[in-house]
Amino acid sequence: MKTPFLTCSKAANVSNVDTCCTEKNGGLFLQTYYWMTHTGREEVGQLLPRNRWTIHGLWIDYCDGSYPEYCDIANRQTDPFPGPNTTTGRPDGELIPPYTGEPYFTPFEATGRLDLLEYLNTYMVGRGQDSWILHTHEHSKHATCFSAYDPQCYGPGYTGHEDYIEYFADTIRFDRRLPVWSWLAQDGIVPSNETQYTIGDLEGSLRAQYSATPFLGCSGPRFNETEAGKGSNDSGRTVLDEVWFYFYLNGRPQDGDWLPTERFRNTSCAKAENAVWYYERTPESVR
């Protein structure tokens, strides 16, 4: 085993590293979050945590901000709804066969890590679909592209579950360092159906806590399509729903030794003053 290096540094050359210890498929990482007001699955008890953003996933990008996806469709594809449905996202890419089996809880059950599953069901909640589908999507699309979770890193005793468990254990490890809701609330930025916010204030609040500016994503109407933004050149969207934190790692994600870095893409939100909604959750959708 060779010494681990800071990912995306000059020293982290694939020819020079143990790829189980330092990533070969890039090394720019993202811990990503959703803000949603309801799940669409309330009738089956799939609810949102109170005063908390929910986990979208832990991702790996190449060092330039582009990214691989679905890197082991032959052996580790358990996503019922692959998106995109080819390995390149283009019609000429290899078709990704959808998973058609039973709800996929096998790794948690086989290893006795039902504590991880409980955490994910509480804080990594699906939108309009069962939460397990989000979990398997994130593993199939992203975790299979981490060289640190390559089956060969676990030796001849690999059971088919170790990488799945470690990926979600690492997702949870980074999640516990990123209390997005609380960071914003410390600066008086809380969900509201009456008050709109300026995206620069949200960026500044999170930057002060994280030491780097995350990506903030918005959906909904474009500002210049609203009454308030009529005639404006600001075409950013106006409903806050995502945040992505970028970082590098010294070594493996399993070691958790991160170095926060600036976002690799600009916000998709409107930049005008008081243009962005950070909506309250529907009361019936919260635990």
Protein backbone atom coordinates (compact mmCIF):
# COMPACT_ATOMS: atom_id res chain seq x y z
CA MET A 1 0.00 0.00 0.00
CA LYS A 2 1.44 3.34 -1.07
CA THR A 3 1.22 6.66 0.74
CA PRO A 4 -2.05 8.49 0.02
CA PHE A 5 -1.90 11.93 -1.60
CA LEU A 6 -4.18 14.94 -1.86
CA THR A 7 -6.56 14.24 -4.71
CA CYS A 8 -6.14 16.35 -7.86
CA SER A 9 -2.65 17.40 -6.74
CA LYS A 10 0.44 16.88 -8.91
CA ALA A 11 1.54 14.10 -6.59
CA ALA A 12 -1.71 12.17 -7.13
CA ASN A 13 -0.59 10.75 -10.47
CA VAL A 14 -2.23 7.41 -11.28
CA SER A 15 1.17 5.87 -12.02
CA ASN A 16 2.40 6.93 -8.59
CA VAL A 17 -0.45 5.96 -6.28
CA ASP A 18 -2.26 2.97 -4.87
CA THR A 19 -5.69 3.65 -6.37
CA CYS A 20 -7.36 2.06 -3.36
CA CYS A 21 -5.78 4.84 -1.29
CA THR A 22 -5.94 7.82 -3.68
CA GLU A 23 -8.58 8.24 -6.37
CA LYS A 24 -7.73 7.45 -9.97
CA ASN A 25 -11.05 8.68 -11.41
CA GLY A 26 -10.54 12.34 -10.64
CA GLY A 27 -10.67 13.36 -7.03
CA LEU A 28 -13.00 16.34 -6.79
CA PHE A 29 -15.76 15.30 -4.41
CA LEU A 30 -19.22 16.67 -3.70
CA GLN A 31 -21.58 16.16 -0.79
CA THR A 32 -24.96 17.23 -2.12
CA TYR A 33 -28.33 18.10 -0.58
CA TYR A 34 -31.98 18.62 -1.44
CA TRP A 35 -34.47 21.06 0.02
CA MET A 36 -37.99 19.85 -0.70
CA THR A 37 -41.32 20.76 0.81
CA HIS A 38 -42.95 17.32 0.47
CA THR A 39 -42.06 13.79 -0.63
CA GLY A 40 -45.14 12.71 -2.54
CA ARG A 41 -45.01 9.53 -0.45
CA GLU A 42 -46.61 10.80 2.74
CA GLU A 43 -49.38 8.20 2.55
CA VAL A 44 -46.83 5.43 3.21
CA GLY A 45 -45.05 7.33 5.99
CA GLN A 46 -42.12 8.60 3.91
CA LEU A 47 -41.61 11.93 5.64
CA LEU A 48 -38.97 14.65 5.86
CA PRO A 49 -36.81 15.38 8.91
CA ARG A 50 -37.57 18.52 10.86
CA ASN A 51 -35.19 21.49 10.49
CA ARG A 52 -32.82 19.63 8.22
CA TRP A 53 -31.84 19.41 4.57
CA THR A 54 -31.90 15.89 3.13
CA ILE A 55 -28.95 14.11 1.56
CA HIS A 56 -28.84 13.83 -2.21
CA GLY A 57 -25.56 11.94 -2.44
CA LEU A 58 -21.76 11.73 -2.30
CA TRP A 59 -20.27 12.19 -5.76
CA ILE A 60 -16.90 12.07 -7.47
CA ASP A 61 -15.95 14.38 -10.34
CA TYR A 62 -12.87 14.60 -12.49
CA CYS A 63 -10.54 17.40 -11.47
CA ASP A 64 -12.01 19.73 -14.11
CA GLY A 65 -15.56 19.35 -12.78
CA SER A 66 -16.80 16.88 -15.40
CA TYR A 67 -17.72 13.46 -14.09
CA PRO A 68 -17.95 9.71 -14.72
CA GLU A 69 -21.11 7.72 -14.05
CA TYR A 70 -22.32 4.13 -13.92
CA CYS A 71 -18.82 2.68 -13.95
CA ASP A 72 -19.67 -0.99 -13.26
CA ILE A 73 -22.95 -1.87 -14.92
CA ALA A 74 -21.87 -5.50 -15.31
CA ASN A 75 -21.61 -6.19 -11.59
CA ARG A 76 -23.00 -3.33 -9.47
CA GLN A 77 -26.05 -1.91 -11.24
CA THR A 78 -29.06 -1.87 -8.88
CA ASP A 79 -30.74 1.32 -10.13
CA PRO A 80 -34.31 0.66 -11.37
CA PHE A 81 -34.40 3.98 -13.24
CA PRO A 82 -30.94 4.78 -14.61
CA GLY A 83 -30.55 8.43 -15.41
CA PRO A 84 -29.10 8.93 -17.94
CA ASN A 85 -29.84 5.52 -19.44
CA THR A 86 -26.49 5.21 -21.23
CA THR A 87 -22.98 5.32 -19.81
CA THR A 88 -22.17 8.54 -21.67
CA GLY A 89 -25.56 10.22 -21.43
CA ARG A 90 -25.71 10.15 -25.25
CA PRO A 91 -27.47 7.78 -27.67
CA ASP A 92 -24.12 6.26 -28.69
CA GLY A 93 -23.29 5.23 -25.12
CA GLU A 94 -23.65 1.74 -23.67
CA LEU A 95 -27.24 1.11 -22.60
CA ILE A 96 -27.67 0.72 -18.83
CA PRO A 97 -30.10 -2.12 -18.06
CA PRO A 98 -32.54 -1.17 -15.29
CA TYR A 99 -32.58 -3.22 -12.11
CA THR A 100 -35.78 -5.27 -11.92
CA GLY A 101 -35.39 -7.10 -8.63
CA GLU A 102 -36.93 -6.67 -5.20
CA PRO A 103 -36.30 -3.52 -3.12
CA TYR A 104 -32.55 -3.62 -2.53
CA PHE A 105 -31.69 -3.86 1.16
CA THR A 106 -29.39 -6.89 0.89
CA PRO A 107 -26.07 -5.22 1.87
CA PHE A 108 -27.54 -3.74 5.06
CA GLU A 109 -29.19 -7.02 6.05
CA ALA A 110 -26.21 -9.22 5.18
CA THR A 111 -23.77 -7.11 7.19
CA GLY A 112 -26.08 -6.26 10.08
CA ARG A 113 -25.81 -2.54 9.33
CA LEU A 114 -29.48 -1.73 9.71
CA ASP A 115 -28.35 1.39 11.60
CA LEU A 116 -27.10 2.82 8.30
CA LEU A 117 -30.38 2.00 6.59
CA GLU A 118 -32.34 3.70 9.37
CA TYR A 119 -30.19 6.84 9.03
CA LEU A 120 -30.65 6.90 5.26
CA ASN A 121 -34.40 6.41 5.51
CA THR A 122 -34.53 9.36 7.90
CA TYR A 123 -32.13 11.79 6.21
CA MET A 124 -31.75 10.59 2.60
CA VAL A 125 -35.36 10.67 1.51
CA GLY A 126 -36.68 10.06 -1.99
CA ARG A 127 -38.90 12.47 -3.93
CA GLY A 128 -41.90 10.83 -5.58
CA GLN A 129 -40.34 7.38 -5.19
CA ASP A 130 -39.35 5.00 -2.40
CA SER A 131 -36.17 6.13 -0.67
CA TRP A 132 -34.35 2.87 -1.44
CA ILE A 133 -34.50 3.81 -5.13
CA LEU A 134 -32.59 7.04 -4.43
CA HIS A 135 -30.03 5.05 -2.42
CA THR A 136 -29.39 2.47 -5.13
CA HIS A 137 -29.33 5.19 -7.80
CA GLU A 138 -26.60 7.07 -5.97
CA HIS A 139 -24.52 3.94 -5.43
CA SER A 140 -24.86 2.67 -9.00
CA LYS A 141 -24.28 6.04 -10.66
CA HIS A 142 -21.61 7.50 -8.39
CA ALA A 143 -20.08 5.05 -5.90
CA THR A 144 -19.08 2.60 -8.63
CA CYS A 145 -16.82 5.33 -10.06
CA PHE A 146 -14.72 5.72 -6.88
CA SER A 147 -11.54 3.69 -7.14
CA ALA A 148 -11.53 3.46 -3.31
CA TYR A 149 -14.70 1.33 -3.51
CA ASP A 150 -13.43 -0.94 -6.27
CA PRO A 151 -14.08 -4.58 -5.32
CA GLN A 152 -10.40 -5.45 -5.72
CA CYS A 153 -9.61 -3.11 -2.81
CA TYR A 154 -11.36 -5.55 -0.46
CA GLY A 155 -9.25 -8.55 -1.41
CA PRO A 156 -10.29 -12.13 -2.16
CA GLY A 157 -12.85 -12.14 0.65
CA TYR A 158 -15.03 -9.53 -1.05
CA THR A 159 -18.70 -10.45 -0.56
CA GLY A 160 -20.32 -7.90 -2.85
CA HIS A 161 -21.46 -5.72 0.04
CA GLU A 162 -18.39 -3.95 1.43
CA ASP A 163 -18.30 -1.11 -1.08
CA TYR A 164 -22.04 -0.46 -0.68
CA ILE A 165 -21.75 -0.23 3.09
CA GLU A 166 -18.60 1.91 3.05
CA TYR A 167 -20.05 4.32 0.50
CA PHE A 168 -23.07 5.05 2.65
CA ALA A 169 -21.04 5.12 5.87
CA ASP A 170 -18.86 7.78 4.23
CA THR A 171 -21.91 9.67 2.96
CA ILE A 172 -23.15 9.80 6.55
CA ARG A 173 -19.73 10.80 7.88
CA PHE A 174 -19.61 13.88 5.65
CA ASP A 175 -23.27 14.63 6.25
CA ARG A 176 -22.68 14.97 9.98
CA ARG A 177 -20.21 17.78 9.29
CA LEU A 178 -22.63 19.81 7.19
CA PRO A 179 -25.64 21.06 9.21
CA VAL A 180 -26.94 23.21 6.36
CA TRP A 181 -30.25 24.17 7.97
CA SER A 182 -28.57 25.24 11.24
CA TRP A 183 -25.84 27.22 9.49
CA LEU A 184 -28.40 29.24 7.58
CA ALA A 185 -30.66 29.63 10.61
CA GLN A 186 -27.78 31.13 12.63
CA ASP A 187 -27.92 34.06 10.22
CA GLY A 188 -31.69 34.35 10.37
CA ILE A 189 -32.21 32.51 7.08
CA VAL A 190 -35.07 30.09 7.69
CA PRO A 191 -37.76 28.65 5.42
CA SER A 192 -40.60 31.09 4.81
CA ASN A 193 -43.64 31.38 2.60
CA GLU A 194 -43.65 35.15 3.09
CA THR A 195 -40.02 36.31 2.98
CA GLN A 196 -37.70 36.02 -0.02
CA TYR A 197 -33.92 36.03 0.24
CA THR A 198 -30.91 37.29 -1.69
CA ILE A 199 -28.81 34.38 -2.94
CA GLY A 200 -25.58 36.18 -2.07
CA ASP A 201 -26.63 36.21 1.58
CA LEU A 202 -27.18 32.46 1.58
CA GLU A 203 -23.84 31.89 -0.15
CA GLY A 204 -22.10 34.12 2.37
CA SER A 205 -23.69 32.35 5.31
CA LEU A 206 -22.59 28.91 4.13
CA ARG A 207 -19.15 30.13 3.04
CA ALA A 208 -18.48 31.50 6.53
CA GLN A 209 -19.10 28.06 8.05
CA TYR A 210 -17.62 25.82 5.34
CA SER A 211 -14.63 28.01 4.37
CA ALA A 212 -15.54 27.76 0.67
CA THR A 213 -18.53 28.75 -1.44
CA PRO A 214 -20.91 25.88 -2.28
CA PHE A 215 -23.11 25.65 -5.34
CA LEU A 216 -26.69 26.68 -4.67
CA GLY A 217 -29.31 25.38 -7.08
CA CYS A 218 -32.76 26.75 -7.78
CA SER A 219 -35.77 25.59 -9.77
CA GLY A 220 -39.10 27.28 -10.40
CA PRO A 221 -39.78 30.40 -12.49
CA ARG A 222 -36.94 32.50 -13.86
CA PHE A 223 -36.70 35.86 -12.13
CA ASN A 224 -37.29 37.79 -15.36
CA GLU A 225 -40.48 35.78 -15.89
CA THR A 226 -41.92 36.93 -12.57
CA GLU A 227 -43.78 40.17 -11.96
CA ALA A 228 -40.98 41.43 -9.69
CA GLY A 229 -38.32 40.72 -12.32
CA LYS A 230 -40.15 41.96 -15.38
CA GLY A 231 -37.69 43.65 -17.73
CA SER A 232 -34.66 42.30 -15.85
CA ASN A 233 -31.72 40.52 -17.47
CA ASP A 234 -31.56 38.15 -14.49
CA SER A 235 -32.76 34.78 -15.79
CA GLY A 236 -31.83 32.82 -12.68
CA ARG A 237 -34.48 30.65 -11.09
CA THR A 238 -36.27 31.56 -7.91
CA VAL A 239 -36.98 28.48 -5.74
CA LEU A 240 -34.03 27.19 -3.68
CA ASP A 241 -33.77 23.40 -3.74
CA GLU A 242 -30.13 22.23 -3.78
CA VAL A 243 -26.70 22.83 -2.28
CA TRP A 244 -23.45 21.10 -3.29
CA PHE A 245 -20.28 21.24 -1.19
CA TYR A 246 -17.03 20.62 -3.09
CA PHE A 247 -13.85 19.22 -1.53
CA TYR A 248 -10.63 17.30 -2.11
CA LEU A 249 -9.41 14.43 0.05
CA ASN A 250 -6.13 13.39 1.54
CA GLY A 251 -6.38 9.73 0.68
CA ARG A 252 -9.61 7.77 0.74
CA PRO A 253 -13.15 8.91 1.51
CA GLN A 254 -13.13 6.28 4.25
CA ASP A 255 -10.50 8.37 6.07
CA GLY A 256 -12.60 11.53 5.93
CA ASP A 257 -9.62 13.91 5.66
CA TRP A 258 -11.13 16.60 3.45
CA LEU A 259 -10.05 19.98 2.12
CA PRO A 260 -13.05 22.20 1.22
CA THR A 261 -12.74 24.02 -2.08
CA GLU A 262 -14.72 26.57 -4.07
CA ARG A 263 -17.64 25.49 -6.23
CA PHE A 264 -16.95 24.51 -9.84
CA ARG A 265 -20.15 26.02 -11.24
CA ASN A 266 -22.02 29.23 -10.55
CA THR A 267 -25.39 29.29 -8.90
CA SER A 268 -28.47 28.68 -11.02
CA CYS A 269 -30.45 30.99 -8.73
CA ALA A 270 -31.49 34.56 -9.46
CA LYS A 271 -28.95 37.07 -8.16
CA ALA A 272 -31.33 40.00 -7.71
CA GLU A 273 -32.06 41.23 -4.22
CA ASN A 274 -34.78 39.26 -2.40
CA ALA A 275 -35.50 37.14 -5.47
CA VAL A 276 -35.23 33.62 -4.03
CA TRP A 277 -37.81 31.60 -2.14
CA TYR A 278 -36.68 29.14 0.55
CA TYR A 279 -40.11 27.65 1.12
CA GLU A 280 -41.47 26.11 4.30
CA ARG A 281 -42.22 22.42 4.28
CA THR A 282 -45.78 21.19 4.22
CA PRO A 283 -46.55 20.39 7.90
CA GLU A 284 -47.98 16.96 7.03
CA SER A 285 -44.71 16.07 5.28
CA VAL A 286 -42.49 16.46 8.36
CA ARG A 287 -41.72 13.84 10.98
